[in-house]
């Protein structure tokens, strides 16, 4: 397994050199924007979220403005992301909790982050990686699917898959792996029609035919 892992990581770094970029747009001086964008990304594309948040963060530029907002207005802006009523509730409740319990500062520890409305381990790990540079595995649909096809996990449950990957991947590679596998999932290893003939990871893929 170690030699397989090394081959996979080396190939990924060649194909998609790690640059610490984030697929979701946010202002680095406002870490809560990444938190909120990630909440919105549930069952929605990053491209759609990035369009919506331009208007959303212009209309509500602070946590206070989210906390005091008419929730109907939040709902209308984020409608294109789907599940907009629940997501609007998550955003407003998280804004209020950040203000009342965390002094308006996004926490870095998993326990505190997952106390926020709509925040599970995936969302928390996105924040921990990009805001705090804490090595974390973020199991979104691409990471889960491609990792399973590569035989690095047998679990479809994101949390179980996360812990499987943490066990087999070297910690120093966790953040790069997130970005690289997402890129590979988007460009080559699609859900319905993977381009197996073009895949540089085919040798180590249990799914390739």
C-alpha atoms as a PDB file:
ATOM      1  CA  UNK A   1       0.000   0.000   0.000  1.00  0.00           C
ATOM      2  CA  UNK A   2       2.820   2.447   0.813  1.00  0.00           C
ATOM      3  CA  UNK A   3       4.312   2.168  -2.676  1.00  0.00           C
ATOM      4  CA  UNK A   4       0.851   2.627  -4.187  1.00  0.00           C
ATOM      5  CA  UNK A   5       0.235   5.718  -2.076  1.00  0.00           C
ATOM      6  CA  UNK A   6       3.588   7.150  -3.100  1.00  0.00           C
ATOM      7  CA  UNK A   7       2.818   6.588  -6.805  1.00  0.00           C
ATOM      8  CA  UNK A   8      -0.602   8.207  -6.491  1.00  0.00           C
ATOM      9  CA  UNK A   9       0.699  11.255  -4.630  1.00  0.00           C
ATOM     10  CA  UNK A  10       3.628  11.713  -7.010  1.00  0.00           C
ATOM     11  CA  UNK A  11       1.337  11.493 -10.028  1.00  0.00           C
ATOM     12  CA  UNK A  12      -1.161  13.925  -8.530  1.00  0.00           C
ATOM     13  CA  UNK A  13       1.566  16.448  -7.770  1.00  0.00           C
ATOM     14  CA  UNK A  14       2.797  16.182 -11.366  1.00  0.00           C
ATOM     15  CA  UNK A  15      -0.687  16.610 -12.813  1.00  0.00           C
ATOM     16  CA  UNK A  16      -1.953  19.251 -10.385  1.00  0.00           C
ATOM     17  CA  UNK A  17       0.896  21.031  -8.570  1.00  0.00           C
ATOM     18  CA  UNK A  18      -0.401  22.156  -5.183  1.00  0.00           C
ATOM     19  CA  UNK A  19      -0.830  25.921  -4.856  1.00  0.00           C
ATOM     20  CA  UNK A  20      -2.967  26.277  -1.705  1.00  0.00           C
ATOM     21  CA  UNK A  21      -5.767  27.931  -3.667  1.00  0.00           C
ATOM     22  CA  UNK A  22      -9.408  27.565  -2.708  1.00  0.00           C
ATOM     23  CA  UNK A  23     -12.254  26.735  -5.080  1.00  0.00           C
ATOM     24  CA  UNK A  24     -14.583  29.084  -3.186  1.00  0.00           C
ATOM     25  CA  UNK A  25     -14.102  32.855  -3.298  1.00  0.00           C
ATOM     26  CA  UNK A  26     -13.780  34.821  -0.068  1.00  0.00           C
ATOM     27  CA  UNK A  27     -11.857  37.741   1.395  1.00  0.00           C
ATOM     28  CA  UNK A  28      -9.011  36.512   3.572  1.00  0.00           C
ATOM     29  CA  UNK A  29      -9.649  39.265   6.125  1.00  0.00           C
ATOM     30  CA  UNK A  30     -13.146  37.831   6.592  1.00  0.00           C
ATOM     31  CA  UNK A  31     -12.724  34.102   7.339  1.00  0.00           C
ATOM     32  CA  UNK A  32     -16.444  33.761   8.061  1.00  0.00           C
ATOM     33  CA  UNK A  33     -17.062  34.284   4.336  1.00  0.00           C
ATOM     34  CA  UNK A  34     -15.357  30.973   3.549  1.00  0.00           C
ATOM     35  CA  UNK A  35     -17.365  29.295   6.292  1.00  0.00           C
ATOM     36  CA  UNK A  36     -20.620  30.628   4.842  1.00  0.00           C
ATOM     37  CA  UNK A  37     -19.634  29.837   1.246  1.00  0.00           C
ATOM     38  CA  UNK A  38     -18.870  26.254   2.252  1.00  0.00           C
ATOM     39  CA  UNK A  39     -22.247  25.920   3.956  1.00  0.00           C
ATOM     40  CA  UNK A  40     -23.840  27.099   0.707  1.00  0.00           C
ATOM     41  CA  UNK A  41     -21.809  24.594  -1.331  1.00  0.00           C
ATOM     42  CA  UNK A  42     -23.714  21.598   0.041  1.00  0.00           C
ATOM     43  CA  UNK A  43     -25.266  19.874  -2.980  1.00  0.00           C
ATOM     44  CA  UNK A  44     -24.325  22.862  -5.135  1.00  0.00           C
ATOM     45  CA  UNK A  45     -21.408  23.620  -7.438  1.00  0.00           C
ATOM     46  CA  UNK A  46     -18.618  25.930  -6.347  1.00  0.00           C
ATOM     47  CA  UNK A  47     -19.178  27.957  -9.517  1.00  0.00           C
ATOM     48  CA  UNK A  48     -22.773  28.669  -8.540  1.00  0.00           C
ATOM     49  CA  UNK A  49     -21.799  29.550  -4.968  1.00  0.00           C
ATOM     50  CA  UNK A  50     -19.142  31.974  -6.217  1.00  0.00           C
ATOM     51  CA  UNK A  51     -21.754  33.801  -8.279  1.00  0.00           C
ATOM     52  CA  UNK A  52     -24.217  33.997  -5.399  1.00  0.00           C
ATOM     53  CA  UNK A  53     -21.731  35.161  -2.780  1.00  0.00           C
ATOM     54  CA  UNK A  54     -20.794  38.236  -4.813  1.00  0.00           C
ATOM     55  CA  UNK A  55     -24.277  39.612  -4.168  1.00  0.00           C
ATOM     56  CA  UNK A  56     -24.648  38.023  -0.735  1.00  0.00           C
ATOM     57  CA  UNK A  57     -21.485  39.469   0.815  1.00  0.00           C
ATOM     58  CA  UNK A  58     -22.079  42.855  -0.773  1.00  0.00           C
ATOM     59  CA  UNK A  59     -25.550  43.016   0.746  1.00  0.00           C
ATOM     60  CA  UNK A  60     -24.437  41.578   4.099  1.00  0.00           C
ATOM     61  CA  UNK A  61     -20.784  42.598   4.604  1.00  0.00           C
ATOM     62  CA  UNK A  62     -20.553  41.745   8.324  1.00  0.00           C
ATOM     63  CA  UNK A  63     -21.638  39.061  10.743  1.00  0.00           C
ATOM     64  CA  UNK A  64     -23.809  41.679  12.431  1.00  0.00           C
ATOM     65  CA  UNK A  65     -25.662  42.353   9.193  1.00  0.00           C
ATOM     66  CA  UNK A  66     -26.332  38.633   8.768  1.00  0.00           C
ATOM     67  CA  UNK A  67     -27.496  38.308  12.366  1.00  0.00           C
ATOM     68  CA  UNK A  68     -29.947  41.182  12.004  1.00  0.00           C
ATOM     69  CA  UNK A  69     -31.084  40.480   8.436  1.00  0.00           C
ATOM     70  CA  UNK A  70     -34.573  39.721   7.230  1.00  0.00           C
ATOM     71  CA  UNK A  71     -34.167  36.006   6.580  1.00  0.00           C
ATOM     72  CA  UNK A  72     -36.471  36.247   3.559  1.00  0.00           C
ATOM     73  CA  UNK A  73     -33.896  38.473   1.897  1.00  0.00           C
ATOM     74  CA  UNK A  74     -31.088  36.011   2.567  1.00  0.00           C
ATOM     75  CA  UNK A  75     -33.257  33.225   1.168  1.00  0.00           C
ATOM     76  CA  UNK A  76     -33.963  35.109  -2.036  1.00  0.00           C
ATOM     77  CA  UNK A  77     -30.278  35.812  -2.705  1.00  0.00           C
ATOM     78  CA  UNK A  78     -29.116  32.245  -2.063  1.00  0.00           C
ATOM     79  CA  UNK A  79     -32.067  30.553  -3.791  1.00  0.00           C
ATOM     80  CA  UNK A  80     -29.924  29.321  -6.746  1.00  0.00           C
ATOM     81  CA  UNK A  81     -27.808  27.176  -4.375  1.00  0.00           C
ATOM     82  CA  UNK A  82     -30.757  24.949  -3.476  1.00  0.00           C
ATOM     83  CA  UNK A  83     -32.198  24.141  -0.033  1.00  0.00           C
ATOM     84  CA  UNK A  84     -32.162  27.904   0.406  1.00  0.00           C
ATOM     85  CA  UNK A  85     -34.501  28.107   3.407  1.00  0.00           C
ATOM     86  CA  UNK A  86     -32.420  25.731   5.513  1.00  0.00           C
ATOM     87  CA  UNK A  87     -29.161  27.290   4.333  1.00  0.00           C
ATOM     88  CA  UNK A  88     -30.409  30.795   5.161  1.00  0.00           C
ATOM     89  CA  UNK A  89     -31.271  29.584   8.645  1.00  0.00           C
ATOM     90  CA  UNK A  90     -27.807  28.056   9.012  1.00  0.00           C
ATOM     91  CA  UNK A  91     -26.101  31.290   7.926  1.00  0.00           C
ATOM     92  CA  UNK A  92     -28.064  33.495  10.285  1.00  0.00           C
ATOM     93  CA  UNK A  93     -27.783  31.137  13.259  1.00  0.00           C
ATOM     94  CA  UNK A  94     -24.044  30.700  12.667  1.00  0.00           C
ATOM     95  CA  UNK A  95     -23.564  34.458  12.463  1.00  0.00           C
ATOM     96  CA  UNK A  96     -25.377  34.923  15.754  1.00  0.00           C
ATOM     97  CA  UNK A  97     -23.434  32.151  17.472  1.00  0.00           C
ATOM     98  CA  UNK A  98     -20.105  33.472  16.190  1.00  0.00           C
ATOM     99  CA  UNK A  99     -20.970  36.862  17.663  1.00  0.00           C
ATOM    100  CA  UNK A 100     -22.376  35.682  20.987  1.00  0.00           C
ATOM    101  CA  UNK A 101     -20.124  32.702  21.763  1.00  0.00           C
ATOM    102  CA  UNK A 102     -16.902  33.349  19.855  1.00  0.00           C
ATOM    103  CA  UNK A 103     -16.543  37.111  19.876  1.00  0.00           C
ATOM    104  CA  UNK A 104     -17.059  37.338  16.142  1.00  0.00           C
ATOM    105  CA  UNK A 105     -13.986  35.175  15.468  1.00  0.00           C
ATOM    106  CA  UNK A 106     -14.118  31.923  13.525  1.00  0.00           C
ATOM    107  CA  UNK A 107     -12.693  29.175  15.779  1.00  0.00           C
ATOM    108  CA  UNK A 108     -10.077  26.743  14.556  1.00  0.00           C
ATOM    109  CA  UNK A 109     -10.882  23.590  16.526  1.00  0.00           C
ATOM    110  CA  UNK A 110     -13.223  20.930  15.192  1.00  0.00           C
ATOM    111  CA  UNK A 111     -15.389  20.809  18.306  1.00  0.00           C
ATOM    112  CA  UNK A 112     -16.162  24.541  18.211  1.00  0.00           C
ATOM    113  CA  UNK A 113     -16.677  24.694  14.454  1.00  0.00           C
ATOM    114  CA  UNK A 114     -19.173  21.854  14.461  1.00  0.00           C
ATOM    115  CA  UNK A 115     -21.219  23.653  17.116  1.00  0.00           C
ATOM    116  CA  UNK A 116     -22.159  26.152  14.406  1.00  0.00           C
ATOM    117  CA  UNK A 117     -25.391  25.648  12.501  1.00  0.00           C
ATOM    118  CA  UNK A 118     -24.991  23.673   9.292  1.00  0.00           C
ATOM    119  CA  UNK A 119     -21.328  22.873   9.944  1.00  0.00           C
ATOM    120  CA  UNK A 120     -20.196  19.265   9.768  1.00  0.00           C
ATOM    121  CA  UNK A 121     -16.702  17.842   9.531  1.00  0.00           C
ATOM    122  CA  UNK A 122     -16.360  18.593   5.813  1.00  0.00           C
ATOM    123  CA  UNK A 123     -17.153  22.279   6.209  1.00  0.00           C
ATOM    124  CA  UNK A 124     -14.994  22.499   9.324  1.00  0.00           C
ATOM    125  CA  UNK A 125     -12.062  20.905   7.526  1.00  0.00           C
ATOM    126  CA  UNK A 126     -12.303  23.364   4.625  1.00  0.00           C
ATOM    127  CA  UNK A 127     -12.008  26.205   7.129  1.00  0.00           C
ATOM    128  CA  UNK A 128      -9.204  24.523   9.065  1.00  0.00           C
ATOM    129  CA  UNK A 129      -7.210  23.952   5.859  1.00  0.00           C
ATOM    130  CA  UNK A 130      -7.582  27.312   4.186  1.00  0.00           C
ATOM    131  CA  UNK A 131      -7.908  29.694   7.122  1.00  0.00           C
ATOM    132  CA  UNK A 132      -5.651  28.058   9.689  1.00  0.00           C
ATOM    133  CA  UNK A 133      -3.395  25.825   7.521  1.00  0.00           C
ATOM    134  CA  UNK A 134      -4.251  22.857   9.740  1.00  0.00           C
ATOM    135  CA  UNK A 135      -3.735  19.589   7.817  1.00  0.00           C
ATOM    136  CA  UNK A 136      -7.170  18.066   7.277  1.00  0.00           C
ATOM    137  CA  UNK A 137      -8.894  15.702   4.868  1.00  0.00           C
ATOM    138  CA  UNK A 138     -11.999  17.195   3.273  1.00  0.00           C
ATOM    139  CA  UNK A 139     -14.250  14.488   1.888  1.00  0.00           C
ATOM    140  CA  UNK A 140     -16.549  16.083  -0.654  1.00  0.00           C
ATOM    141  CA  UNK A 141     -18.232  14.168  -3.475  1.00  0.00           C
ATOM    142  CA  UNK A 142     -15.053  14.119  -5.615  1.00  0.00           C
ATOM    143  CA  UNK A 143     -12.653  13.112  -2.841  1.00  0.00           C
ATOM    144  CA  UNK A 144     -14.998  10.381  -1.668  1.00  0.00           C
ATOM    145  CA  UNK A 145     -15.656   8.976  -5.134  1.00  0.00           C
ATOM    146  CA  UNK A 146     -12.087   9.024  -6.479  1.00  0.00           C
ATOM    147  CA  UNK A 147     -10.553   7.750  -3.234  1.00  0.00           C
ATOM    148  CA  UNK A 148     -12.937   4.791  -3.267  1.00  0.00           C
ATOM    149  CA  UNK A 149     -12.103   4.034  -6.883  1.00  0.00           C
ATOM    150  CA  UNK A 150      -8.414   4.124  -6.014  1.00  0.00           C
ATOM    151  CA  UNK A 151      -9.033   1.621  -3.232  1.00  0.00           C
ATOM    152  CA  UNK A 152      -7.973   3.988  -0.453  1.00  0.00           C
ATOM    153  CA  UNK A 153     -11.296   3.564   1.343  1.00  0.00           C
ATOM    154  CA  UNK A 154     -14.250   1.227   1.052  1.00  0.00           C
ATOM    155  CA  UNK A 155     -16.604   3.611   2.810  1.00  0.00           C
ATOM    156  CA  UNK A 156     -19.190   5.836   1.153  1.00  0.00           C
ATOM    157  CA  UNK A 157     -19.892   7.624   4.428  1.00  0.00           C
ATOM    158  CA  UNK A 158     -17.803  10.838   4.288  1.00  0.00           C
ATOM    159  CA  UNK A 159     -16.750  10.750   7.941  1.00  0.00           C
ATOM    160  CA  UNK A 160     -15.651   7.108   7.791  1.00  0.00           C
ATOM    161  CA  UNK A 161     -13.846   7.787   4.511  1.00  0.00           C
ATOM    162  CA  UNK A 162     -12.113  10.782   6.098  1.00  0.00           C
ATOM    163  CA  UNK A 163     -10.681   8.653   8.879  1.00  0.00           C
ATOM    164  CA  UNK A 164      -9.643   5.931   6.414  1.00  0.00           C
ATOM    165  CA  UNK A 165      -7.725   8.493   4.365  1.00  0.00           C
ATOM    166  CA  UNK A 166      -6.142  10.036   7.439  1.00  0.00           C
ATOM    167  CA  UNK A 167      -4.821   6.594   8.311  1.00  0.00           C
ATOM    168  CA  UNK A 168      -3.255   5.763   4.944  1.00  0.00           C
ATOM    169  CA  UNK A 169      -2.098   9.153   3.661  1.00  0.00           C
ATOM    170  CA  UNK A 170       0.909  10.995   5.127  1.00  0.00           C
ATOM    171  CA  UNK A 171      -0.274  14.032   7.055  1.00  0.00           C
ATOM    172  CA  UNK A 172       1.977  16.380   5.089  1.00  0.00           C
ATOM    173  CA  UNK A 173       0.011  15.488   1.937  1.00  0.00           C
ATOM    174  CA  UNK A 174      -3.527  15.929   3.277  1.00  0.00           C
ATOM    175  CA  UNK A 175      -4.184  19.477   2.085  1.00  0.00           C
ATOM    176  CA  UNK A 176      -2.638  18.921  -1.338  1.00  0.00           C
ATOM    177  CA  UNK A 177      -4.581  15.665  -1.742  1.00  0.00           C
ATOM    178  CA  UNK A 178      -7.874  17.487  -1.192  1.00  0.00           C
ATOM    179  CA  UNK A 179      -7.211  19.971  -3.977  1.00  0.00           C
ATOM    180  CA  UNK A 180      -5.605  17.502  -6.371  1.00  0.00           C
ATOM    181  CA  UNK A 181      -8.288  14.822  -6.106  1.00  0.00           C
ATOM    182  CA  UNK A 182     -11.038  17.410  -6.598  1.00  0.00           C
ATOM    183  CA  UNK A 183      -9.279  18.584  -9.761  1.00  0.00           C
ATOM    184  CA  UNK A 184      -8.872  15.002 -10.956  1.00  0.00           C
ATOM    185  CA  UNK A 185     -12.499  14.222 -10.201  1.00  0.00           C
ATOM    186  CA  UNK A 186     -13.656  17.214 -12.197  1.00  0.00           C
ATOM    187  CA  UNK A 187     -11.329  16.803 -15.149  1.00  0.00           C
ATOM    188  CA  UNK A 188     -10.912  13.033 -15.521  1.00  0.00           C
ATOM    189  CA  UNK A 189     -12.633  10.806 -12.978  1.00  0.00           C
ATOM    190  CA  UNK A 190     -16.213  11.983 -13.381  1.00  0.00           C
ATOM    191  CA  UNK A 191     -19.034  10.219 -11.612  1.00  0.00           C
ATOM    192  CA  UNK A 192     -20.950   8.904 -14.611  1.00  0.00           C
ATOM    193  CA  UNK A 193     -18.380   8.859 -17.399  1.00  0.00           C
ATOM    194  CA  UNK A 194     -14.825   8.613 -16.079  1.00  0.00           C
ATOM    195  CA  UNK A 195     -12.142   8.995 -18.731  1.00  0.00           C
ATOM    196  CA  UNK A 196     -10.317   5.824 -17.758  1.00  0.00           C
ATOM    197  CA  UNK A 197      -8.345   5.644 -21.006  1.00  0.00           C
ATOM    198  CA  UNK A 198      -6.865   9.072 -20.260  1.00  0.00           C
ATOM    199  CA  UNK A 199      -6.262   8.544 -16.545  1.00  0.00           C
ATOM    200  CA  UNK A 200      -2.689   8.640 -15.278  1.00  0.00           C
ATOM    201  CA  UNK A 201      -3.841   6.869 -12.116  1.00  0.00           C
ATOM    202  CA  UNK A 202      -5.380   3.927 -13.929  1.00  0.00           C
ATOM    203  CA  UNK A 203      -2.655   1.526 -12.848  1.00  0.00           C
ATOM    204  CA  UNK A 204      -3.671   1.991  -9.223  1.00  0.00           C
ATOM    205  CA  UNK A 205      -7.425   2.233  -9.779  1.00  0.00           C
ATOM    206  CA  UNK A 206      -9.651  -0.673  -8.761  1.00  0.00           C
ATOM    207  CA  UNK A 207     -12.518   0.793 -10.801  1.00  0.00           C
ATOM    208  CA  UNK A 208     -10.832   1.101 -14.213  1.00  0.00           C
ATOM    209  CA  UNK A 209     -11.921  -1.420 -16.803  1.00  0.00           C
END
